[in-house]
Amino acid sequence: MHFDGDLIVIAITLLTTVGMVTLGPIGRAVAERLRGKGASGAVAEIEERFDDQAQQINDLQRQVGEIVERQDFSERLLARAKDRGLLAAPGPGQAER
């Protein structure tokens, strides 16, 4: 049996390429995916993003609650001042509310 030099070069190149892909990052990613580790990493990332957004929503709800309290306080102060006659009458061109 006679092997041509080109065939040997092709075989060595093919074996080297397969070895690099199998043992390299692509091979490890495929192996992790087959073992199921790739999906759990994506789920963990989604859970982390969800937790971050839930925290942001909680912060916004707290801030809105504080704003509502401040508005209520301001309205009470204005109502007291109006009852005591401490507020000036509306000027010309200003409508009374």
PDB file of N, CA and C in Angstrom:
ATOM      1  N   MET A   1       0.849  -1.164   0.000  1.00  0.00           N
ATOM      2  CA  MET A   1       0.000   0.000   0.000  1.00  0.00           C
ATOM      3  C   MET A   1       0.898   1.232   0.000  1.00  0.00           C
ATOM      4  N   HIS A   2       0.608   2.154  -0.868  1.00  0.00           N
ATOM      5  CA  HIS A   2       1.433   3.342  -1.046  1.00  0.00           C
ATOM      6  C   HIS A   2       0.653   4.571  -0.598  1.00  0.00           C
ATOM      7  N   PHE A   3       1.231   5.350   0.373  1.00  0.00           N
ATOM      8  CA  PHE A   3       0.593   6.576   0.839  1.00  0.00           C
ATOM      9  C   PHE A   3       1.233   7.763   0.144  1.00  0.00           C
ATOM     10  N   ASP A   4       0.405   8.577  -0.375  1.00  0.00           N
ATOM     11  CA  ASP A   4       0.877   9.795  -1.028  1.00  0.00           C
ATOM     12  C   ASP A   4       1.219  10.829   0.040  1.00  0.00           C
ATOM     13  N   GLY A   5       2.178  11.681  -0.171  1.00  0.00           N
ATOM     14  CA  GLY A   5       2.579  12.705   0.779  1.00  0.00           C
ATOM     15  C   GLY A   5       1.463  13.678   1.105  1.00  0.00           C
ATOM     16  N   ASP A   6       0.638  13.985   0.105  1.00  0.00           N
ATOM     17  CA  ASP A   6      -0.485  14.914   0.334  1.00  0.00           C
ATOM     18  C   ASP A   6      -1.509  14.316   1.291  1.00  0.00           C
ATOM     19  N   LEU A   7      -1.731  13.022   1.169  1.00  0.00           N
ATOM     20  CA  LEU A   7      -2.696  12.361   2.039  1.00  0.00           C
ATOM     21  C   LEU A   7      -2.227  12.391   3.489  1.00  0.00           C
ATOM     22  N   ILE A   8      -0.944  12.224   3.717  1.00  0.00           N
ATOM     23  CA  ILE A   8      -0.396  12.268   5.069  1.00  0.00           C
ATOM     24  C   ILE A   8      -0.535  13.681   5.650  1.00  0.00           C
ATOM     25  N   VAL A   9      -0.261  14.707   4.856  1.00  0.00           N
ATOM     26  CA  VAL A   9      -0.401  16.088   5.322  1.00  0.00           C
ATOM     27  C   VAL A   9      -1.856  16.388   5.657  1.00  0.00           C
ATOM     28  N   ILE A  10      -2.770  15.924   4.822  1.00  0.00           N
ATOM     29  CA  ILE A  10      -4.201  16.134   5.075  1.00  0.00           C
ATOM     30  C   ILE A  10      -4.618  15.420   6.359  1.00  0.00           C
ATOM     31  N   ALA A  11      -4.161  14.201   6.567  1.00  0.00           N
ATOM     32  CA  ALA A  11      -4.522  13.435   7.759  1.00  0.00           C
ATOM     33  C   ALA A  11      -3.984  14.112   9.013  1.00  0.00           C
ATOM     34  N   ILE A  12      -2.741  14.584   8.972  1.00  0.00           N
ATOM     35  CA  ILE A  12      -2.164  15.258  10.132  1.00  0.00           C
ATOM     36  C   ILE A  12      -2.900  16.560  10.425  1.00  0.00           C
ATOM     37  N   THR A  13      -3.210  17.318   9.378  1.00  0.00           N
ATOM     38  CA  THR A  13      -3.953  18.567   9.547  1.00  0.00           C
ATOM     39  C   THR A  13      -5.337  18.298  10.128  1.00  0.00           C
ATOM     40  N   LEU A  14      -6.007  17.284   9.611  1.00  0.00           N
ATOM     41  CA  LEU A  14      -7.346  16.941  10.092  1.00  0.00           C
ATOM     42  C   LEU A  14      -7.297  16.513  11.555  1.00  0.00           C
ATOM     43  N   LEU A  15      -6.352  15.663  11.917  1.00  0.00           N
ATOM     44  CA  LEU A  15      -6.241  15.207  13.302  1.00  0.00           C
ATOM     45  C   LEU A  15      -5.896  16.367  14.248  1.00  0.00           C
ATOM     46  N   THR A  16      -5.027  17.260  13.806  1.00  0.00           N
ATOM     47  CA  THR A  16      -4.664  18.419  14.626  1.00  0.00           C
ATOM     48  C   THR A  16      -5.870  19.318  14.841  1.00  0.00           C
ATOM     49  N   THR A  17      -6.628  19.579  13.777  1.00  0.00           N
ATOM     50  CA  THR A  17      -7.811  20.435  13.879  1.00  0.00           C
ATOM     51  C   THR A  17      -8.859  19.815  14.792  1.00  0.00           C
ATOM     52  N   VAL A  18      -9.116  18.536  14.628  1.00  0.00           N
ATOM     53  CA  VAL A  18     -10.093  17.856  15.484  1.00  0.00           C
ATOM     54  C   VAL A  18      -9.634  17.880  16.940  1.00  0.00           C
ATOM     55  N   GLY A  19      -8.347  17.662  17.163  1.00  0.00           N
ATOM     56  CA  GLY A  19      -7.819  17.702  18.524  1.00  0.00           C
ATOM     57  C   GLY A  19      -7.953  19.073  19.148  1.00  0.00           C
ATOM     58  N   MET A  20      -7.659  20.139  18.375  1.00  0.00           N
ATOM     59  CA  MET A  20      -7.765  21.496  18.914  1.00  0.00           C
ATOM     60  C   MET A  20      -9.207  21.850  19.234  1.00  0.00           C
ATOM     61  N   VAL A  21     -10.121  21.467  18.353  1.00  0.00           N
ATOM     62  CA  VAL A  21     -11.531  21.778  18.596  1.00  0.00           C
ATOM     63  C   VAL A  21     -12.046  20.989  19.791  1.00  0.00           C
ATOM     64  N   THR A  22     -11.673  19.719  19.872  1.00  0.00           N
ATOM     65  CA  THR A  22     -12.163  18.872  20.953  1.00  0.00           C
ATOM     66  C   THR A  22     -11.603  19.300  22.304  1.00  0.00           C
ATOM     67  N   LEU A  23     -10.342  19.635  22.356  1.00  0.00           N
ATOM     68  CA  LEU A  23      -9.717  19.983  23.629  1.00  0.00           C
ATOM     69  C   LEU A  23      -9.742  21.474  23.932  1.00  0.00           C
ATOM     70  N   GLY A  24     -10.104  22.288  22.975  1.00  0.00           N
ATOM     71  CA  GLY A  24     -10.106  23.741  23.147  1.00  0.00           C
ATOM     72  C   GLY A  24     -11.399  24.239  23.773  1.00  0.00           C
ATOM     73  N   PRO A  25     -11.594  25.552  23.747  1.00  0.00           N
ATOM     74  CA  PRO A  25     -12.780  26.147  24.370  1.00  0.00           C
ATOM     75  C   PRO A  25     -14.085  25.702  23.717  1.00  0.00           C
ATOM     76  N   ILE A  26     -14.042  25.464  22.426  1.00  0.00           N
ATOM     77  CA  ILE A  26     -15.270  25.003  21.758  1.00  0.00           C
ATOM     78  C   ILE A  26     -15.645  23.612  22.255  1.00  0.00           C
ATOM     79  N   GLY A  27     -14.650  22.747  22.364  1.00  0.00           N
ATOM     80  CA  GLY A  27     -14.913  21.399  22.873  1.00  0.00           C
ATOM     81  C   GLY A  27     -15.424  21.415  24.300  1.00  0.00           C
ATOM     82  N   ARG A  28     -14.839  22.279  25.136  1.00  0.00           N
ATOM     83  CA  ARG A  28     -15.312  22.375  26.526  1.00  0.00           C
ATOM     84  C   ARG A  28     -16.741  22.909  26.591  1.00  0.00           C
ATOM     85  N   ALA A  29     -17.058  23.890  25.740  1.00  0.00           N
ATOM     86  CA  ALA A  29     -18.420  24.439  25.736  1.00  0.00           C
ATOM     87  C   ALA A  29     -19.427  23.378  25.302  1.00  0.00           C
ATOM     88  N   VAL A  30     -19.067  22.605  24.294  1.00  0.00           N
ATOM     89  CA  VAL A  30     -19.967  21.530  23.841  1.00  0.00           C
ATOM     90  C   VAL A  30     -20.130  20.502  24.946  1.00  0.00           C
ATOM     91  N   ALA A  31     -19.039  20.144  25.616  1.00  0.00           N
ATOM     92  CA  ALA A  31     -19.120  19.158  26.700  1.00  0.00           C
ATOM     93  C   ALA A  31     -19.990  19.673  27.845  1.00  0.00           C
ATOM     94  N   GLU A  32     -19.824  20.940  28.213  1.00  0.00           N
ATOM     95  CA  GLU A  32     -20.661  21.504  29.285  1.00  0.00           C
ATOM     96  C   GLU A  32     -22.125  21.522  28.879  1.00  0.00           C
ATOM     97  N   ARG A  33     -22.368  21.846  27.634  1.00  0.00           N
ATOM     98  CA  ARG A  33     -23.749  21.870  27.143  1.00  0.00           C
ATOM     99  C   ARG A  33     -24.356  20.479  27.199  1.00  0.00           C
ATOM    100  N   LEU A  34     -23.570  19.466  26.818  1.00  0.00           N
ATOM    101  CA  LEU A  34     -24.063  18.091  26.869  1.00  0.00           C
ATOM    102  C   LEU A  34     -24.312  17.634  28.304  1.00  0.00           C
ATOM    103  N   ARG A  35     -23.490  18.110  29.226  1.00  0.00           N
ATOM    104  CA  ARG A  35     -23.683  17.766  30.636  1.00  0.00           C
ATOM    105  C   ARG A  35     -24.796  18.580  31.282  1.00  0.00           C
ATOM    106  N   GLY A  36     -25.234  19.653  30.636  1.00  0.00           N
ATOM    107  CA  GLY A  36     -26.319  20.462  31.177  1.00  0.00           C
ATOM    108  C   GLY A  36     -25.843  21.666  31.954  1.00  0.00           C
ATOM    109  N   LYS A  37     -24.552  21.921  32.010  1.00  0.00           N
ATOM    110  CA  LYS A  37     -24.054  23.054  32.779  1.00  0.00           C
ATOM    111  C   LYS A  37     -24.292  24.372  32.062  1.00  0.00           C
ATOM    112  N   GLY A  38     -24.340  24.375  30.761  1.00  0.00           N
ATOM    113  CA  GLY A  38     -24.529  25.619  30.021  1.00  0.00           C
ATOM    114  C   GLY A  38     -25.873  26.256  30.307  1.00  0.00           C
ATOM    115  N   ALA A  39     -26.897  25.448  30.423  1.00  0.00           N
ATOM    116  CA  ALA A  39     -28.241  25.963  30.677  1.00  0.00           C
ATOM    117  C   ALA A  39     -28.346  26.540  32.085  1.00  0.00           C
ATOM    118  N   SER A  40     -27.697  25.912  33.059  1.00  0.00           N
ATOM    119  CA  SER A  40     -27.803  26.411  34.433  1.00  0.00           C
ATOM    120  C   SER A  40     -27.114  27.764  34.576  1.00  0.00           C
ATOM    121  N   GLY A  41     -26.065  27.998  33.807  1.00  0.00           N
ATOM    122  CA  GLY A  41     -25.409  29.304  33.839  1.00  0.00           C
ATOM    123  C   GLY A  41     -26.318  30.389  33.313  1.00  0.00           C
ATOM    124  N   ALA A  42     -27.066  30.082  32.257  1.00  0.00           N
ATOM    125  CA  ALA A  42     -28.000  31.057  31.695  1.00  0.00           C
ATOM    126  C   ALA A  42     -29.135  31.325  32.682  1.00  0.00           C
ATOM    127  N   VAL A  43     -29.604  30.294  33.342  1.00  0.00           N
ATOM    128  CA  VAL A  43     -30.678  30.462  34.322  1.00  0.00           C
ATOM    129  C   VAL A  43     -30.189  31.318  35.495  1.00  0.00           C
ATOM    130  N   ALA A  44     -28.960  31.081  35.919  1.00  0.00           N
ATOM    131  CA  ALA A  44     -28.409  31.866  37.027  1.00  0.00           C
ATOM    132  C   ALA A  44     -28.298  33.337  36.642  1.00  0.00           C
ATOM    133  N   GLU A  45     -27.898  33.600  35.398  1.00  0.00           N
ATOM    134  CA  GLU A  45     -27.798  34.985  34.938  1.00  0.00           C
ATOM    135  C   GLU A  45     -29.174  35.646  34.900  1.00  0.00           C
ATOM    136  N   ILE A  46     -30.176  34.931  34.432  1.00  0.00           N
ATOM    137  CA  ILE A  46     -31.542  35.474  34.380  1.00  0.00           C
ATOM    138  C   ILE A  46     -32.057  35.735  35.794  1.00  0.00           C
ATOM    139  N   GLU A  47     -31.785  34.812  36.722  1.00  0.00           N
ATOM    140  CA  GLU A  47     -32.222  35.009  38.105  1.00  0.00           C
ATOM    141  C   GLU A  47     -31.547  36.229  38.725  1.00  0.00           C
ATOM    142  N   GLU A  48     -30.276  36.421  38.418  1.00  0.00           N
ATOM    143  CA  GLU A  48     -29.561  37.582  38.952  1.00  0.00           C
ATOM    144  C   GLU A  48     -30.152  38.876  38.408  1.00  0.00           C
ATOM    145  N   ARG A  49     -30.444  38.905  37.111  1.00  0.00           N
ATOM    146  CA  ARG A  49     -31.056  40.098  36.516  1.00  0.00           C
ATOM    147  C   ARG A  49     -32.438  40.349  37.113  1.00  0.00           C
ATOM    148  N   PHE A  50     -33.201  39.291  37.340  1.00  0.00           N
ATOM    149  CA  PHE A  50     -34.532  39.418  37.935  1.00  0.00           C
ATOM    150  C   PHE A  50     -34.430  40.005  39.337  1.00  0.00           C
ATOM    151  N   ASP A  51     -33.487  39.492  40.130  1.00  0.00           N
ATOM    152  CA  ASP A  51     -33.306  40.006  41.492  1.00  0.00           C
ATOM    153  C   ASP A  51     -32.916  41.481  41.482  1.00  0.00           C
ATOM    154  N   ASP A  52     -32.043  41.869  40.544  1.00  0.00           N
ATOM    155  CA  ASP A  52     -31.647  43.281  40.433  1.00  0.00           C
ATOM    156  C   ASP A  52     -32.845  44.161  40.097  1.00  0.00           C
ATOM    157  N   GLN A  53     -33.669  43.709  39.156  1.00  0.00           N
ATOM    158  CA  GLN A  53     -34.826  44.509  38.769  1.00  0.00           C
ATOM    159  C   GLN A  53     -35.864  44.554  39.878  1.00  0.00           C
ATOM    160  N   ALA A  54     -36.021  43.461  40.610  1.00  0.00           N
ATOM    161  CA  ALA A  54     -36.951  43.458  41.742  1.00  0.00           C
ATOM    162  C   ALA A  54     -36.488  44.455  42.805  1.00  0.00           C
ATOM    163  N   GLN A  55     -35.186  44.523  43.044  1.00  0.00           N
ATOM    164  CA  GLN A  55     -34.646  45.483  44.007  1.00  0.00           C
ATOM    165  C   GLN A  55     -34.890  46.913  43.538  1.00  0.00           C
ATOM    166  N   GLN A  56     -34.711  47.153  42.243  1.00  0.00           N
ATOM    167  CA  GLN A  56     -34.962  48.493  41.700  1.00  0.00           C
ATOM    168  C   GLN A  56     -36.431  48.868  41.856  1.00  0.00           C
ATOM    169  N   ILE A  57     -37.326  47.933  41.648  1.00  0.00           N
ATOM    170  CA  ILE A  57     -38.759  48.201  41.817  1.00  0.00           C
ATOM    171  C   ILE A  57     -39.055  48.526  43.277  1.00  0.00           C
ATOM    172  N   ASN A  58     -38.470  47.776  44.198  1.00  0.00           N
ATOM    173  CA  ASN A  58     -38.682  48.056  45.618  1.00  0.00           C
ATOM    174  C   ASN A  58     -38.174  49.448  45.987  1.00  0.00           C
ATOM    175  N   ASP A  59     -37.016  49.826  45.442  1.00  0.00           N
ATOM    176  CA  ASP A  59     -36.476  51.169  45.704  1.00  0.00           C
ATOM    177  C   ASP A  59     -37.418  52.244  45.165  1.00  0.00           C
ATOM    178  N   LEU A  60     -37.945  52.038  43.976  1.00  0.00           N
ATOM    179  CA  LEU A  60     -38.871  53.012  43.391  1.00  0.00           C
ATOM    180  C   LEU A  60     -40.156  53.111  44.204  1.00  0.00           C
ATOM    181  N   GLN A  61     -40.669  51.975  44.678  1.00  0.00           N
ATOM    182  CA  GLN A  61     -41.880  52.002  45.506  1.00  0.00           C
ATOM    183  C   GLN A  61     -41.634  52.776  46.798  1.00  0.00           C
ATOM    184  N   ARG A  62     -40.475  52.590  47.385  1.00  0.00           N
ATOM    185  CA  ARG A  62     -40.144  53.328  48.607  1.00  0.00           C
ATOM    186  C   ARG A  62     -40.075  54.820  48.321  1.00  0.00           C
ATOM    187  N   GLN A  63     -39.437  55.192  47.208  1.00  0.00           N
ATOM    188  CA  GLN A  63     -39.312  56.604  46.857  1.00  0.00           C
ATOM    189  C   GLN A  63     -40.678  57.227  46.577  1.00  0.00           C
ATOM    190  N   VAL A  64     -41.542  56.499  45.879  1.00  0.00           N
ATOM    191  CA  VAL A  64     -42.887  57.024  45.613  1.00  0.00           C
ATOM    192  C   VAL A  64     -43.645  57.203  46.924  1.00  0.00           C
ATOM    193  N   GLY A  65     -43.500  56.274  47.852  1.00  0.00           N
ATOM    194  CA  GLY A  65     -44.145  56.401  49.161  1.00  0.00           C
ATOM    195  C   GLY A  65     -43.669  57.647  49.908  1.00  0.00           C
ATOM    196  N   GLU A  66     -42.367  57.915  49.836  1.00  0.00           N
ATOM    197  CA  GLU A  66     -41.836  59.120  50.481  1.00  0.00           C
ATOM    198  C   GLU A  66     -42.379  60.387  49.826  1.00  0.00           C
ATOM    199  N   ILE A  67     -42.488  60.376  48.515  1.00  0.00           N
ATOM    200  CA  ILE A  67     -43.029  61.547  47.797  1.00  0.00           C
ATOM    201  C   ILE A  67     -44.482  61.781  48.181  1.00  0.00           C
ATOM    202  N   VAL A  68     -45.257  60.715  48.304  1.00  0.00           N
ATOM    203  CA  VAL A  68     -46.662  60.846  48.694  1.00  0.00           C
ATOM    204  C   VAL A  68     -46.763  61.442  50.093  1.00  0.00           C
ATOM    205  N   GLU A  69     -45.915  60.981  51.008  1.00  0.00           N
ATOM    206  CA  GLU A  69     -45.929  61.532  52.364  1.00  0.00           C
ATOM    207  C   GLU A  69     -45.586  63.023  52.358  1.00  0.00           C
ATOM    208  N   ARG A  70     -44.606  63.405  51.574  1.00  0.00           N
ATOM    209  CA  ARG A  70     -44.217  64.818  51.501  1.00  0.00           C
ATOM    210  C   ARG A  70     -45.341  65.660  50.897  1.00  0.00           C
ATOM    211  N   GLN A  71     -46.009  65.129  49.890  1.00  0.00           N
ATOM    212  CA  GLN A  71     -47.111  65.876  49.272  1.00  0.00           C
ATOM    213  C   GLN A  71     -48.251  66.047  50.282  1.00  0.00           C
ATOM    214  N   ASP A  72     -48.573  64.991  50.999  1.00  0.00           N
ATOM    215  CA  ASP A  72     -49.625  65.092  52.018  1.00  0.00           C
ATOM    216  C   ASP A  72     -49.251  66.146  53.066  1.00  0.00           C
ATOM    217  N   PHE A  73     -48.016  66.148  53.509  1.00  0.00           N
ATOM    218  CA  PHE A  73     -47.557  67.114  54.492  1.00  0.00           C
ATOM    219  C   PHE A  73     -47.685  68.536  53.945  1.00  0.00           C
ATOM    220  N   SER A  74     -47.262  68.729  52.680  1.00  0.00           N
ATOM    221  CA  SER A  74     -47.353  70.067  52.064  1.00  0.00           C
ATOM    222  C   SER A  74     -48.802  70.518  51.943  1.00  0.00           C
ATOM    223  N   GLU A  75     -49.683  69.609  51.577  1.00  0.00           N
ATOM    224  CA  GLU A  75     -51.098  69.960  51.456  1.00  0.00           C
ATOM    225  C   GLU A  75     -51.673  70.355  52.820  1.00  0.00           C
ATOM    226  N   ARG A  76     -51.284  69.635  53.873  1.00  0.00           N
ATOM    227  CA  ARG A  76     -51.768  69.984  55.212  1.00  0.00           C
ATOM    228  C   ARG A  76     -51.275  71.362  55.634  1.00  0.00           C
ATOM    229  N   LEU A  77     -50.004  71.647  55.355  1.00  0.00           N
ATOM    230  CA  LEU A  77     -49.460  72.968  55.699  1.00  0.00           C
ATOM    231  C   LEU A  77     -50.187  74.078  54.937  1.00  0.00           C
ATOM    232  N   LEU A  78     -50.440  73.872  53.659  1.00  0.00           N
ATOM    233  CA  LEU A  78     -51.140  74.881  52.865  1.00  0.00           C
ATOM    234  C   LEU A  78     -52.574  75.069  53.362  1.00  0.00           C
ATOM    235  N   ALA A  79     -53.241  73.975  53.724  1.00  0.00           N
ATOM    236  CA  ALA A  79     -54.612  74.077  54.226  1.00  0.00           C
ATOM    237  C   ALA A  79     -54.645  74.856  55.547  1.00  0.00           C
ATOM    238  N   ARG A  80     -53.692  74.609  56.443  1.00  0.00           N
ATOM    239  CA  ARG A  80     -53.632  75.364  57.709  1.00  0.00           C
ATOM    240  C   ARG A  80     -53.371  76.846  57.454  1.00  0.00           C
ATOM    241  N   ALA A  81     -52.430  77.101  56.561  1.00  0.00           N
ATOM    242  CA  ALA A  81     -52.115  78.509  56.260  1.00  0.00           C
ATOM    243  C   ALA A  81     -53.328  79.202  55.649  1.00  0.00           C
ATOM    244  N   LYS A  82     -54.060  78.515  54.817  1.00  0.00           N
ATOM    245  CA  LYS A  82     -55.253  79.110  54.204  1.00  0.00           C
ATOM    246  C   LYS A  82     -56.322  79.367  55.268  1.00  0.00           C
ATOM    247  N   ASP A  83     -56.509  78.402  56.186  1.00  0.00           N
ATOM    248  CA  ASP A  83     -57.496  78.556  57.250  1.00  0.00           C
ATOM    249  C   ASP A  83     -57.146  79.732  58.168  1.00  0.00           C
ATOM    250  N   ARG A  84     -55.900  79.995  58.398  1.00  0.00           N
ATOM    251  CA  ARG A  84     -55.459  81.084  59.267  1.00  0.00           C
ATOM    252  C   ARG A  84     -55.380  82.404  58.519  1.00  0.00           C
ATOM    253  N   GLY A  85     -55.610  82.362  57.226  1.00  0.00           N
ATOM    254  CA  GLY A  85     -55.552  83.593  56.443  1.00  0.00           C
ATOM    255  C   GLY A  85     -54.129  84.056  56.177  1.00  0.00           C
ATOM    256  N   LEU A  86     -53.180  83.144  56.216  1.00  0.00           N
ATOM    257  CA  LEU A  86     -51.787  83.515  56.014  1.00  0.00           C
ATOM    258  C   LEU A  86     -51.398  83.536  54.534  1.00  0.00           C
ATOM    259  N   LEU A  87     -52.232  82.983  53.697  1.00  0.00           N
ATOM    260  CA  LEU A  87     -51.929  82.988  52.265  1.00  0.00           C
ATOM    261  C   LEU A  87     -52.484  84.247  51.637  1.00  0.00           C
ATOM    262  N   ALA A  88     -51.724  84.819  50.733  1.00  0.00           N
ATOM    263  CA  ALA A  88     -52.176  86.025  50.038  1.00  0.00           C
ATOM    264  C   ALA A  88     -53.253  85.654  49.025  1.00  0.00           C
ATOM    265  N   ALA A  89     -54.138  86.600  48.809  1.00  0.00           N
ATOM    266  CA  ALA A  89     -55.184  86.386  47.823  1.00  0.00           C
ATOM    267  C   ALA A  89     -54.538  86.302  46.437  1.00  0.00           C
ATOM    268  N   PRO A  90     -55.155  85.542  45.525  1.00  0.00           N
ATOM    269  CA  PRO A  90     -54.587  85.449  44.187  1.00  0.00           C
ATOM    270  C   PRO A  90     -54.559  86.820  43.525  1.00  0.00           C
ATOM    271  N   GLY A  91     -53.484  87.082  42.828  1.00  0.00           N
ATOM    272  CA  GLY A  91     -53.325  88.346  42.123  1.00  0.00           C
ATOM    273  C   GLY A  91     -54.099  88.354  40.831  1.00  0.00           C
ATOM    274  N   PRO A  92     -54.068  89.488  40.118  1.00  0.00           N
ATOM    275  CA  PRO A  92     -54.794  89.555  38.848  1.00  0.00           C
ATOM    276  C   PRO A  92     -54.202  88.554  37.860  1.00  0.00           C
ATOM    277  N   GLY A  93     -55.066  87.865  37.163  1.00  0.00           N
ATOM    278  CA  GLY A  93     -54.642  86.885  36.177  1.00  0.00           C
ATOM    279  C   GLY A  93     -54.397  85.514  36.763  1.00  0.00           C
ATOM    280  N   GLN A  94     -54.511  85.368  38.084  1.00  0.00           N
ATOM    281  CA  GLN A  94     -54.321  84.046  38.713  1.00  0.00           C
ATOM    282  C   GLN A  94     -55.687  83.550  39.164  1.00  0.00           C
ATOM    283  N   ALA A  95     -56.006  82.366  38.799  1.00  0.00           N
ATOM    284  CA  ALA A  95     -57.302  81.794  39.181  1.00  0.00           C
ATOM    285  C   ALA A  95     -57.207  81.171  40.564  1.00  0.00           C
ATOM    286  N   GLU A  96     -58.281  81.265  41.312  1.00  0.00           N
ATOM    287  CA  GLU A  96     -58.330  80.644  42.634  1.00  0.00           C
ATOM    288  C   GLU A  96     -58.701  79.192  42.457  1.00  0.00           C
ATOM    289  N   ARG A  97     -58.063  78.339  43.192  1.00  0.00           N
ATOM    290  CA  ARG A  97     -58.309  76.908  43.043  1.00  0.00           C
ATOM    291  C   ARG A  97     -59.240  76.412  44.103  1.00  0.00           C
TER     292      ARG A  97
END
